[in-house]
Amino acid sequence: MIYVSISARYLLAVVFLIAVSGKLRSGKAFQAFTTSISELDVLPRRWTRRVATIVVAGEAMMPILLLAHLRTALIGLILSGTMLSAFSVAITLSLRKGIKASCRCFGASSRRLGRAHLVRNLILIGVAAIGAVTAISQSLADTPGYVLSAIMGAMIGLVFTMLDDVLDLFISDLSTESSSVPAKTTVVRR
């Protein structure tokens, strides 16, 4: 069971590391994230910048907690699940108001927040919960098993961070499929 916990820790660490780096890559990126929080319309506007700073600080802290030591891993898993739950509540409240705010989860994206983001967050919350339950065992992993579990978790984490790109790929294929079929033409011979 320790291998499940290792995979969960690396998956979540990659997700949070990419999230924080996307928001902090420039002042403009952080401002866009701050604006996206305001667009959600779930907080008073005067709190937006403070909340954005707290979110980024929390996201920066997660990889450290998740990977530094077995003792901090459980705390990191619990806090990861808590942060993802808070994000999900904010998205749900916003969607119920009919607001589709910009998704700045991982920095720049043209996609609006929607159900797919909630599903992604719910899966990640489940990963955090399963990771926390299996982390309690505190057994030691052998090196090959640890490395394999870490790589697998990190790779799956990368996939989660590319959700918008994957959705754009499939949605654009579906929307352009009908327009890419040539119209039937009639040839008139004289």
Protein backbone atom coordinates (compact mmCIF):
# COMPACT_ATOMS: atom_id res chain seq x y z
CA MET A 1 0.00 0.00 0.00
CA ILE A 2 2.93 2.36 0.48
CA TYR A 3 3.44 2.44 -3.29
CA VAL A 4 -0.07 3.85 -3.76
CA SER A 5 0.77 6.60 -1.29
CA ILE A 6 4.06 7.36 -3.09
CA SER A 7 2.28 7.65 -6.45
CA ALA A 8 -0.40 9.88 -4.93
CA ARG A 9 2.21 12.14 -3.32
CA TYR A 10 4.17 12.60 -6.55
CA LEU A 11 1.01 13.06 -8.64
CA LEU A 12 -0.22 15.85 -6.36
CA ALA A 13 3.24 17.39 -6.00
CA VAL A 14 3.54 17.69 -9.79
CA VAL A 15 0.03 19.15 -10.08
CA PHE A 16 0.71 21.79 -7.42
CA LEU A 17 4.22 22.54 -8.69
CA ILE A 18 2.96 23.19 -12.21
CA ALA A 19 0.03 25.19 -10.85
CA VAL A 20 2.20 27.52 -8.78
CA SER A 21 4.86 27.91 -11.46
CA GLY A 22 2.20 28.84 -14.03
CA LYS A 23 0.86 31.55 -11.75
CA LEU A 24 4.27 32.92 -10.77
CA ARG A 25 6.01 32.81 -14.15
CA SER A 26 5.38 36.55 -14.51
CA GLY A 27 3.59 39.44 -12.85
CA LYS A 28 1.09 39.34 -15.69
CA ALA A 29 0.34 35.64 -15.03
CA PHE A 30 -0.26 36.32 -11.34
CA GLN A 31 -2.52 39.27 -12.21
CA ALA A 32 -4.51 37.06 -14.61
CA PHE A 33 -4.94 34.51 -11.81
CA THR A 34 -6.05 37.26 -9.43
CA THR A 35 -8.56 38.47 -12.02
CA SER A 36 -9.90 34.92 -12.47
CA ILE A 37 -10.58 34.71 -8.74
CA SER A 38 -12.53 37.95 -8.99
CA GLU A 39 -14.49 36.55 -11.96
CA LEU A 40 -15.70 33.64 -9.80
CA ASP A 41 -17.74 36.17 -7.81
CA VAL A 42 -17.66 34.13 -4.59
CA LEU A 43 -15.61 36.58 -2.48
CA PRO A 44 -15.70 40.31 -1.84
CA ARG A 45 -13.46 41.99 -4.44
CA ARG A 46 -11.25 43.54 -1.76
CA TRP A 47 -10.15 40.01 -0.68
CA THR A 48 -9.16 38.87 -4.18
CA ARG A 49 -5.45 39.73 -4.06
CA ARG A 50 -5.01 38.33 -0.52
CA VAL A 51 -6.77 35.09 -1.46
CA ALA A 52 -4.65 34.78 -4.62
CA THR A 53 -1.49 35.21 -2.53
CA ILE A 54 -2.67 32.61 0.01
CA VAL A 55 -3.57 30.14 -2.75
CA VAL A 56 -0.17 30.53 -4.42
CA ALA A 57 1.63 30.17 -1.07
CA GLY A 58 -0.39 27.04 -0.30
CA GLU A 59 0.32 25.56 -3.72
CA ALA A 60 4.04 26.29 -3.29
CA MET A 61 4.02 24.57 0.08
CA MET A 62 2.32 21.36 -1.12
CA PRO A 63 5.23 19.75 -3.04
CA ILE A 64 7.51 20.36 -0.05
CA LEU A 65 5.08 18.80 2.40
CA LEU A 66 4.27 15.91 0.09
CA LEU A 67 7.85 14.96 -0.73
CA ALA A 68 10.09 16.16 2.12
CA HIS A 69 9.49 13.37 4.61
CA LEU A 70 7.04 10.61 5.47
CA ARG A 71 5.91 12.61 8.51
CA THR A 72 5.00 15.65 6.41
CA ALA A 73 3.48 13.58 3.61
CA LEU A 74 0.28 12.84 5.51
CA ILE A 75 -0.14 16.54 6.34
CA GLY A 76 0.49 17.39 2.68
CA LEU A 77 -2.06 14.86 1.49
CA ILE A 78 -4.71 16.17 3.89
CA LEU A 79 -3.99 19.82 3.01
CA SER A 80 -3.97 19.01 -0.72
CA GLY A 81 -7.42 17.47 -0.44
CA THR A 82 -8.61 20.46 1.59
CA MET A 83 -7.31 23.00 -0.95
CA LEU A 84 -8.81 21.08 -3.86
CA SER A 85 -12.13 20.91 -1.98
CA ALA A 86 -12.10 24.69 -1.49
CA PHE A 87 -11.35 25.19 -5.20
CA SER A 88 -14.24 22.86 -6.07
CA VAL A 89 -16.67 24.72 -3.81
CA ALA A 90 -15.70 28.05 -5.42
CA ILE A 91 -16.12 26.64 -8.94
CA THR A 92 -19.49 25.07 -8.02
CA LEU A 93 -20.82 28.30 -6.50
CA SER A 94 -19.71 30.26 -9.54
CA LEU A 95 -21.23 27.79 -12.00
CA ARG A 96 -24.53 27.82 -10.08
CA LYS A 97 -24.64 31.59 -10.58
CA GLY A 98 -24.17 31.01 -14.31
CA ILE A 99 -20.65 32.45 -14.27
CA LYS A 100 -17.99 30.77 -16.36
CA ALA A 101 -14.76 32.31 -15.13
CA SER A 102 -11.40 31.88 -16.82
CA CYS A 103 -9.47 28.78 -15.81
CA ARG A 104 -6.11 29.94 -14.48
CA CYS A 105 -5.49 26.72 -12.54
CA PHE A 106 -2.14 26.19 -14.25
CA GLY A 107 -1.47 29.67 -15.54
CA ALA A 108 -2.69 30.74 -18.96
CA SER A 109 -5.65 29.04 -20.54
CA SER A 110 -8.41 30.18 -22.87
CA ARG A 111 -10.83 27.63 -21.45
CA ARG A 112 -13.59 28.61 -19.05
CA LEU A 113 -14.16 26.72 -15.81
CA GLY A 114 -16.78 24.00 -16.11
CA ARG A 115 -17.83 20.53 -15.04
CA ALA A 116 -14.64 18.97 -16.40
CA HIS A 117 -12.64 21.01 -13.89
CA LEU A 118 -14.88 19.82 -11.08
CA VAL A 119 -14.44 16.21 -12.17
CA ARG A 120 -10.66 16.70 -12.31
CA ASN A 121 -10.69 18.18 -8.80
CA LEU A 122 -12.89 15.39 -7.44
CA ILE A 123 -10.50 12.79 -8.84
CA LEU A 124 -7.55 14.64 -7.29
CA ILE A 125 -9.40 14.84 -3.95
CA GLY A 126 -9.88 11.06 -4.18
CA VAL A 127 -6.16 10.64 -4.91
CA ALA A 128 -5.33 12.72 -1.84
CA ALA A 129 -7.72 10.70 0.33
CA ILE A 130 -6.42 7.33 -0.89
CA GLY A 131 -2.86 8.59 -0.49
CA ALA A 132 -3.58 9.68 3.09
CA VAL A 133 -5.17 6.36 4.04
CA THR A 134 -2.30 4.37 2.56
CA ALA A 135 0.35 6.70 4.02
CA ILE A 136 -0.68 5.71 7.51
CA SER A 137 0.98 2.30 7.08
CA GLN A 138 4.45 3.96 7.34
CA SER A 139 6.14 0.90 5.87
CA LEU A 140 9.34 1.39 3.91
CA ALA A 141 9.46 0.98 0.15
CA ASP A 142 12.31 -0.67 -1.70
CA THR A 143 14.20 1.62 -4.07
CA PRO A 144 12.95 0.23 -7.42
CA GLY A 145 9.36 0.22 -6.20
CA TYR A 146 9.70 3.76 -4.87
CA VAL A 147 11.20 5.07 -8.12
CA LEU A 148 8.57 3.35 -10.26
CA SER A 149 5.74 4.64 -8.07
CA ALA A 150 7.18 8.16 -8.11
CA ILE A 151 7.58 8.19 -11.90
CA MET A 152 4.10 6.81 -12.44
CA GLY A 153 2.55 9.38 -10.09
CA ALA A 154 4.47 12.24 -11.69
CA MET A 155 3.45 11.19 -15.21
CA ILE A 156 -0.22 10.96 -14.26
CA GLY A 157 0.12 14.36 -12.57
CA LEU A 158 1.37 15.82 -15.85
CA VAL A 159 -1.68 14.44 -17.63
CA PHE A 160 -3.98 16.10 -15.08
CA THR A 161 -2.30 19.46 -15.65
CA MET A 162 -2.93 19.20 -19.39
CA LEU A 163 -6.70 18.67 -19.07
CA ASP A 164 -7.53 21.88 -20.95
CA ASP A 165 -5.23 20.93 -23.82
CA VAL A 166 -6.71 17.43 -24.00
CA LEU A 167 -10.26 18.82 -23.97
CA ASP A 168 -9.37 21.35 -26.67
CA LEU A 169 -7.95 18.55 -28.78
CA PHE A 170 -11.11 16.44 -28.61
CA ILE A 171 -13.58 19.29 -28.70
CA SER A 172 -11.90 20.96 -31.65
CA ASP A 173 -11.85 17.61 -33.47
CA LEU A 174 -15.55 17.16 -32.86
CA SER A 175 -16.47 20.70 -33.85
CA THR A 176 -14.35 20.74 -37.00
CA GLU A 177 -15.29 17.22 -38.07
CA SER A 178 -18.49 18.30 -39.77
CA SER A 179 -16.89 21.35 -41.38
CA SER A 180 -13.96 19.35 -42.74
CA VAL A 181 -16.21 17.08 -44.79
CA PRO A 182 -16.34 18.55 -48.27
CA ALA A 183 -19.72 19.65 -49.44
CA LYS A 184 -21.20 17.57 -52.22
CA THR A 185 -20.64 19.32 -55.49
CA THR A 186 -22.44 18.91 -58.72
CA VAL A 187 -20.38 18.92 -61.87
CA VAL A 188 -22.13 20.33 -64.88
CA ARG A 189 -20.71 19.14 -68.20
CA ARG A 190 -21.27 21.10 -71.34
